[in-house]
């Protein structure tokens, strides 16, 4: 409750909102000119499907896993808003907190909102694992061990919450297997768009890898995702650079491809999430303002 209250105070701060817009503009403006000469069309061909995956497939996956009766447009807007906040916070934690905030404001109890976001995160991780394995890439043993460890930790958390904070548990039913399978397919579709974006940013530097090699590097780098960090400078990004170098890509090209990928994420987040966030913020303020009684 204290965390959500602090988040609400931050999001209602005009200074923070302005700072977020400035950062969203500054990151690509500063990083892109410093990159080696890159070709534009490979970037565009990789960016377009990724935007569809991130801002269409991911909201649809979240909606499939949420028993809230909210429309596709609502989930699309809320997800876009959360992405901008996620880019501004280490480990993308701001995205999860904002989605929970939007769900509770739409009428869901806190336990159901928490379950919605947690299950969506879990299915997203499973989608990555299945996609890398299905594509025929060698799945790192450390990645499997990390996934098993996170699953075991999740079970421990559920047991502890049930024992000490039962009000945080969902009151509604969990998604049926059919919806879980549908969400998993959407998650795998999104992972394929990430691979296309990586192929595009790497191709823009004049270097190429086979899709399977690229998937292996990407899958290996996800192990470092357990350690939070800022977008573009997280351990996951560093691990991806190292993995690309191990496959024969020069340091400058590997760093340029990963940096370009991270910088491009700000553009749709600002254009889609930023505008929607401003509108939603005003609506939340209106609903939070008490209406004076008529004498």
Protein backbone atom coordinates (compact mmCIF):
# COMPACT_ATOMS: atom_id res chain seq x y z
CA UNK A 1 0.00 0.00 0.00
CA UNK A 2 2.85 2.37 0.86
CA UNK A 3 4.56 1.55 -2.44
CA UNK A 4 1.43 2.30 -4.45
CA UNK A 5 0.94 5.52 -2.50
CA UNK A 6 4.48 6.62 -3.25
CA UNK A 7 4.02 5.73 -6.91
CA UNK A 8 0.81 7.76 -7.04
CA UNK A 9 2.58 10.79 -5.56
CA UNK A 10 5.41 10.50 -8.09
CA UNK A 11 3.10 10.12 -11.08
CA UNK A 12 1.03 13.11 -9.99
CA UNK A 13 4.18 15.25 -9.89
CA UNK A 14 4.41 17.56 -12.87
CA UNK A 15 8.18 17.83 -12.44
CA UNK A 16 8.59 14.06 -12.73
CA UNK A 17 6.39 13.94 -15.81
CA UNK A 18 8.42 16.69 -17.50
CA UNK A 19 11.65 14.96 -16.49
CA UNK A 20 10.42 11.71 -18.02
CA UNK A 21 9.64 13.42 -21.33
CA UNK A 22 13.06 15.11 -21.35
CA UNK A 23 14.85 11.82 -20.65
CA UNK A 24 12.81 10.01 -23.30
CA UNK A 25 13.92 12.60 -25.88
CA UNK A 26 17.50 12.91 -24.64
CA UNK A 27 18.43 9.23 -24.63
CA UNK A 28 18.07 8.63 -28.39
CA UNK A 29 19.27 12.15 -29.17
CA UNK A 30 22.54 11.59 -27.28
CA UNK A 31 23.21 7.93 -28.09
CA UNK A 32 22.28 7.73 -31.75
CA UNK A 33 24.74 10.37 -33.08
CA UNK A 34 27.58 8.63 -31.20
CA UNK A 35 27.03 5.28 -32.92
CA UNK A 36 29.08 4.12 -35.88
CA UNK A 37 27.61 4.70 -39.32
CA UNK A 38 24.41 2.67 -39.56
CA UNK A 39 21.98 1.89 -42.35
CA UNK A 40 18.43 3.10 -41.82
CA UNK A 41 16.31 0.49 -43.58
CA UNK A 42 17.40 -2.56 -41.55
CA UNK A 43 16.48 -0.61 -38.42
CA UNK A 44 13.05 0.31 -39.80
CA UNK A 45 12.36 -3.25 -40.93
CA UNK A 46 13.18 -4.50 -37.44
CA UNK A 47 11.47 -1.71 -35.52
CA UNK A 48 8.03 -1.89 -37.17
CA UNK A 49 7.26 -5.54 -36.23
CA UNK A 50 8.72 -4.98 -32.76
CA UNK A 51 6.35 -2.06 -32.12
CA UNK A 52 3.46 -4.30 -33.18
CA UNK A 53 4.70 -7.04 -30.84
CA UNK A 54 5.28 -4.75 -27.88
CA UNK A 55 2.20 -2.56 -28.14
CA UNK A 56 -0.34 -4.98 -29.67
CA UNK A 57 0.61 -8.58 -28.86
CA UNK A 58 1.72 -7.88 -25.29
CA UNK A 59 -1.46 -5.97 -24.31
CA UNK A 60 -3.54 -8.75 -25.87
CA UNK A 61 -1.62 -11.34 -23.85
CA UNK A 62 -2.22 -9.33 -20.68
CA UNK A 63 -5.95 -9.05 -21.46
CA UNK A 64 -6.25 -12.81 -22.03
CA UNK A 65 -4.80 -13.41 -18.55
CA UNK A 66 -6.91 -10.76 -16.77
CA UNK A 67 -10.48 -11.41 -15.62
CA UNK A 68 -11.51 -7.77 -15.50
CA UNK A 69 -13.96 -7.37 -18.38
CA UNK A 70 -11.92 -4.47 -19.77
CA UNK A 71 -11.59 -3.85 -23.49
CA UNK A 72 -8.61 -4.24 -25.80
CA UNK A 73 -8.17 -0.48 -26.10
CA UNK A 74 -8.03 -0.09 -22.32
CA UNK A 75 -5.28 -2.71 -22.03
CA UNK A 76 -3.40 -1.24 -25.00
CA UNK A 77 -3.34 2.22 -23.45
CA UNK A 78 -2.48 1.02 -19.96
CA UNK A 79 0.33 -1.17 -21.29
CA UNK A 80 1.78 1.67 -23.38
CA UNK A 81 1.74 3.95 -20.33
CA UNK A 82 3.44 1.30 -18.23
CA UNK A 83 6.22 0.86 -20.79
CA UNK A 84 7.27 4.49 -20.51
CA UNK A 85 7.33 4.25 -16.71
CA UNK A 86 9.19 0.96 -16.96
CA UNK A 87 11.96 2.54 -19.03
CA UNK A 88 12.38 5.17 -16.32
CA UNK A 89 12.83 2.61 -13.51
CA UNK A 90 15.41 -0.16 -12.94
CA UNK A 91 14.16 -3.65 -13.64
CA UNK A 92 11.07 -2.23 -15.37
CA UNK A 93 9.39 -2.25 -11.94
CA UNK A 94 7.50 0.97 -12.66
CA UNK A 95 5.61 -0.80 -15.45
CA UNK A 96 4.25 -3.49 -13.13
CA UNK A 97 3.27 -1.02 -10.42
CA UNK A 98 1.48 1.21 -12.91
CA UNK A 99 -0.47 -1.71 -14.40
CA UNK A 100 -1.55 -2.73 -10.91
CA UNK A 101 -2.56 0.85 -10.21
CA UNK A 102 -4.66 1.01 -13.37
CA UNK A 103 -6.38 -2.30 -12.60
CA UNK A 104 -7.25 -1.36 -9.02
CA UNK A 105 -8.55 2.01 -10.20
CA UNK A 106 -10.73 0.11 -12.72
CA UNK A 107 -12.35 -1.85 -9.89
CA UNK A 108 -10.19 -4.94 -9.35
CA UNK A 109 -9.21 -5.87 -5.83
CA UNK A 110 -5.52 -5.67 -5.05
CA UNK A 111 -4.99 -9.44 -5.05
CA UNK A 112 -6.53 -9.88 -8.51
CA UNK A 113 -4.48 -6.97 -9.90
CA UNK A 114 -1.29 -8.45 -8.47
CA UNK A 115 -2.13 -11.89 -9.88
CA UNK A 116 -2.86 -10.41 -13.32
CA UNK A 117 0.53 -8.73 -13.59
CA UNK A 118 2.43 -11.63 -12.00
CA UNK A 119 0.89 -14.25 -14.30
CA UNK A 120 1.54 -12.03 -17.32
CA UNK A 121 5.20 -11.74 -16.29
CA UNK A 122 5.44 -15.49 -15.80
CA UNK A 123 3.87 -16.31 -19.17
CA UNK A 124 6.21 -13.79 -20.80
CA UNK A 125 9.23 -15.59 -19.32
CA UNK A 126 7.84 -18.96 -20.38
CA UNK A 127 7.24 -17.61 -23.88
CA UNK A 128 10.89 -16.59 -24.13
CA UNK A 129 12.09 -20.00 -22.96
CA UNK A 130 9.77 -21.93 -25.29
CA UNK A 131 10.55 -19.65 -28.23
CA UNK A 132 14.32 -20.05 -27.89
CA UNK A 133 13.96 -23.82 -27.51
CA UNK A 134 11.40 -24.10 -30.33
CA UNK A 135 13.65 -22.13 -32.67
CA UNK A 136 16.28 -24.83 -32.28
CA UNK A 137 18.78 -22.75 -30.36
CA UNK A 138 20.83 -24.30 -27.58
CA UNK A 139 19.21 -23.17 -24.36
CA UNK A 140 21.81 -22.26 -21.74
CA UNK A 141 21.74 -24.51 -18.67
CA UNK A 142 22.05 -21.42 -16.47
CA UNK A 143 18.91 -20.02 -18.08
CA UNK A 144 16.98 -23.17 -17.22
CA UNK A 145 18.33 -23.19 -13.67
CA UNK A 146 17.43 -19.52 -13.27
CA UNK A 147 13.89 -20.17 -14.52
CA UNK A 148 13.51 -23.09 -12.11
CA UNK A 149 14.90 -20.99 -9.28
CA UNK A 150 12.48 -18.15 -10.01
CA UNK A 151 9.60 -20.62 -10.14
CA UNK A 152 10.58 -22.09 -6.77
CA UNK A 153 10.94 -18.60 -5.31
CA UNK A 154 7.49 -17.74 -6.62
CA UNK A 155 5.98 -20.75 -4.86
CA UNK A 156 7.67 -19.75 -1.62
CA UNK A 157 6.29 -16.22 -1.95
CA UNK A 158 2.77 -17.56 -2.55
CA UNK A 159 3.00 -19.73 0.57
CA UNK A 160 4.25 -16.83 2.68
CA UNK A 161 1.60 -14.45 1.34
CA UNK A 162 -1.13 -17.02 2.00
CA UNK A 163 0.16 -17.35 5.57
CA UNK A 164 0.77 -13.72 6.51
CA UNK A 165 -1.06 -11.54 3.93
CA UNK A 166 -4.03 -13.54 2.61
CA UNK A 167 -5.82 -10.37 1.49
CA UNK A 168 -3.19 -9.96 -1.26
CA UNK A 169 -4.20 -13.24 -2.91
CA UNK A 170 -6.63 -13.15 -5.86
CA UNK A 171 -10.30 -13.67 -5.13
CA UNK A 172 -11.24 -14.64 -8.67
CA UNK A 173 -10.31 -17.79 -10.59
CA UNK A 174 -6.96 -18.10 -12.33
CA UNK A 175 -6.91 -18.22 -16.16
CA UNK A 176 -7.94 -21.63 -17.57
CA UNK A 177 -5.42 -23.69 -19.58
CA UNK A 178 -6.91 -22.55 -22.89
CA UNK A 179 -6.20 -18.91 -22.08
CA UNK A 180 -2.74 -19.73 -20.78
CA UNK A 181 -1.95 -21.46 -24.07
CA UNK A 182 -3.29 -18.52 -26.05
CA UNK A 183 -1.20 -16.11 -24.00
CA UNK A 184 1.86 -18.32 -24.50
CA UNK A 185 1.42 -18.18 -28.28
CA UNK A 186 1.13 -14.38 -28.14
CA UNK A 187 4.26 -14.25 -25.99
CA UNK A 188 6.19 -16.35 -28.51
CA UNK A 189 5.00 -14.04 -31.27
CA UNK A 190 6.36 -11.07 -29.33
CA UNK A 191 9.71 -12.83 -28.84
CA UNK A 192 9.97 -13.29 -32.61
CA UNK A 193 9.62 -9.53 -33.08
CA UNK A 194 12.50 -8.97 -30.61
CA UNK A 195 14.65 -11.27 -32.76
CA UNK A 196 13.68 -9.22 -35.83
CA UNK A 197 14.64 -6.00 -34.06
CA UNK A 198 18.01 -7.47 -33.08
CA UNK A 199 18.59 -8.65 -36.63
CA UNK A 200 17.71 -5.17 -37.86
CA UNK A 201 19.97 -3.24 -35.48
CA UNK A 202 22.85 -5.66 -36.07
CA UNK A 203 22.34 -5.54 -39.83
CA UNK A 204 22.38 -1.74 -39.64
CA UNK A 205 26.00 -1.92 -38.48
CA UNK A 206 26.97 -4.01 -41.49
CA UNK A 207 27.22 -7.35 -39.66
CA UNK A 208 24.96 -10.38 -39.70
CA UNK A 209 24.38 -13.57 -37.76
CA UNK A 210 22.13 -16.51 -38.42
CA UNK A 211 18.79 -16.27 -36.61
CA UNK A 212 19.69 -19.33 -34.49
CA UNK A 213 23.00 -17.82 -33.37
CA UNK A 214 21.26 -14.57 -32.53
CA UNK A 215 18.58 -16.39 -30.55
CA UNK A 216 21.26 -18.26 -28.60
CA UNK A 217 22.98 -14.99 -27.71
CA UNK A 218 19.69 -13.37 -26.75
CA UNK A 219 18.61 -16.35 -24.64
CA UNK A 220 21.94 -16.44 -22.82
CA UNK A 221 21.76 -12.72 -22.03
CA UNK A 222 18.37 -13.14 -20.33
CA UNK A 223 20.05 -14.87 -17.39
CA UNK A 224 21.50 -11.50 -16.41
CA UNK A 225 18.00 -10.00 -16.44
CA UNK A 226 17.51 -11.09 -12.83
CA UNK A 227 19.77 -8.16 -11.86
CA UNK A 228 17.90 -4.87 -12.42
CA UNK A 229 19.41 -1.93 -14.24
CA UNK A 230 18.45 1.04 -16.43
CA UNK A 231 17.36 0.48 -19.99
CA UNK A 232 20.40 0.38 -22.27
CA UNK A 233 22.88 -0.04 -19.41
CA UNK A 234 21.54 -3.08 -17.58
CA UNK A 235 23.44 -6.34 -16.96
CA UNK A 236 21.18 -7.92 -19.57
CA UNK A 237 22.34 -5.44 -22.22
CA UNK A 238 25.97 -5.98 -21.24
CA UNK A 239 25.55 -9.75 -21.40
CA UNK A 240 24.04 -9.46 -24.88
CA UNK A 241 27.03 -7.46 -26.07
CA UNK A 242 29.41 -10.09 -24.66
CA UNK A 243 27.39 -12.89 -26.28
CA UNK A 244 27.49 -11.17 -29.67
CA UNK A 245 31.25 -10.63 -29.39
CA UNK A 246 31.69 -14.32 -28.55
CA UNK A 247 29.99 -15.10 -31.87
CA UNK A 248 32.51 -13.03 -33.79
CA UNK A 249 30.86 -9.60 -33.91
CA UNK A 250 33.36 -6.74 -33.26
CA UNK A 251 32.96 -4.91 -29.94
CA UNK A 252 31.99 -1.62 -31.60
CA UNK A 253 29.33 -3.24 -33.76
CA UNK A 254 27.92 -5.35 -30.89
CA UNK A 255 27.74 -2.34 -28.56
CA UNK A 256 26.20 -0.22 -31.34
CA UNK A 257 23.49 -2.81 -32.09
CA UNK A 258 22.50 -3.23 -28.43
CA UNK A 259 22.62 0.51 -27.74
CA UNK A 260 20.55 1.22 -30.83
CA UNK A 261 17.99 -1.38 -29.76
CA UNK A 262 17.72 0.22 -26.30
CA UNK A 263 17.52 3.77 -27.66
CA UNK A 264 14.79 2.91 -30.15
CA UNK A 265 12.56 1.64 -27.33
CA UNK A 266 12.11 5.22 -26.14
CA UNK A 267 10.54 6.47 -29.36
CA UNK A 268 7.25 4.49 -29.35
CA UNK A 269 7.15 4.67 -25.54
CA UNK A 270 7.12 8.45 -25.74
CA UNK A 271 4.79 8.68 -28.72
CA UNK A 272 2.24 6.11 -27.52
CA UNK A 273 2.69 5.79 -23.77
CA UNK A 274 3.60 9.41 -23.06
CA UNK A 275 0.53 10.91 -24.67
CA UNK A 276 -1.78 8.30 -23.13
CA UNK A 277 -0.16 8.80 -19.72
CA UNK A 278 -0.83 12.53 -19.78
CA UNK A 279 -4.49 11.93 -20.66
CA UNK A 280 -4.89 9.19 -18.04
CA UNK A 281 -3.18 11.28 -15.39
CA UNK A 282 -5.69 14.08 -15.95
CA UNK A 283 -8.61 11.64 -15.79
CA UNK A 284 -7.30 10.14 -12.54
CA UNK A 285 -6.99 13.59 -11.04
CA UNK A 286 -10.58 14.41 -11.99
CA UNK A 287 -11.93 11.24 -10.41
CA UNK A 288 -9.84 11.84 -7.30
CA UNK A 289 -11.18 15.41 -6.90
CA UNK A 290 -14.15 15.48 -4.50
CA UNK A 291 -17.34 16.88 -5.96
CA UNK A 292 -18.79 19.68 -3.81
CA UNK A 293 -22.24 19.05 -2.40
CA UNK A 294 -25.07 21.22 -3.72
CA UNK A 295 -26.85 22.98 -0.90
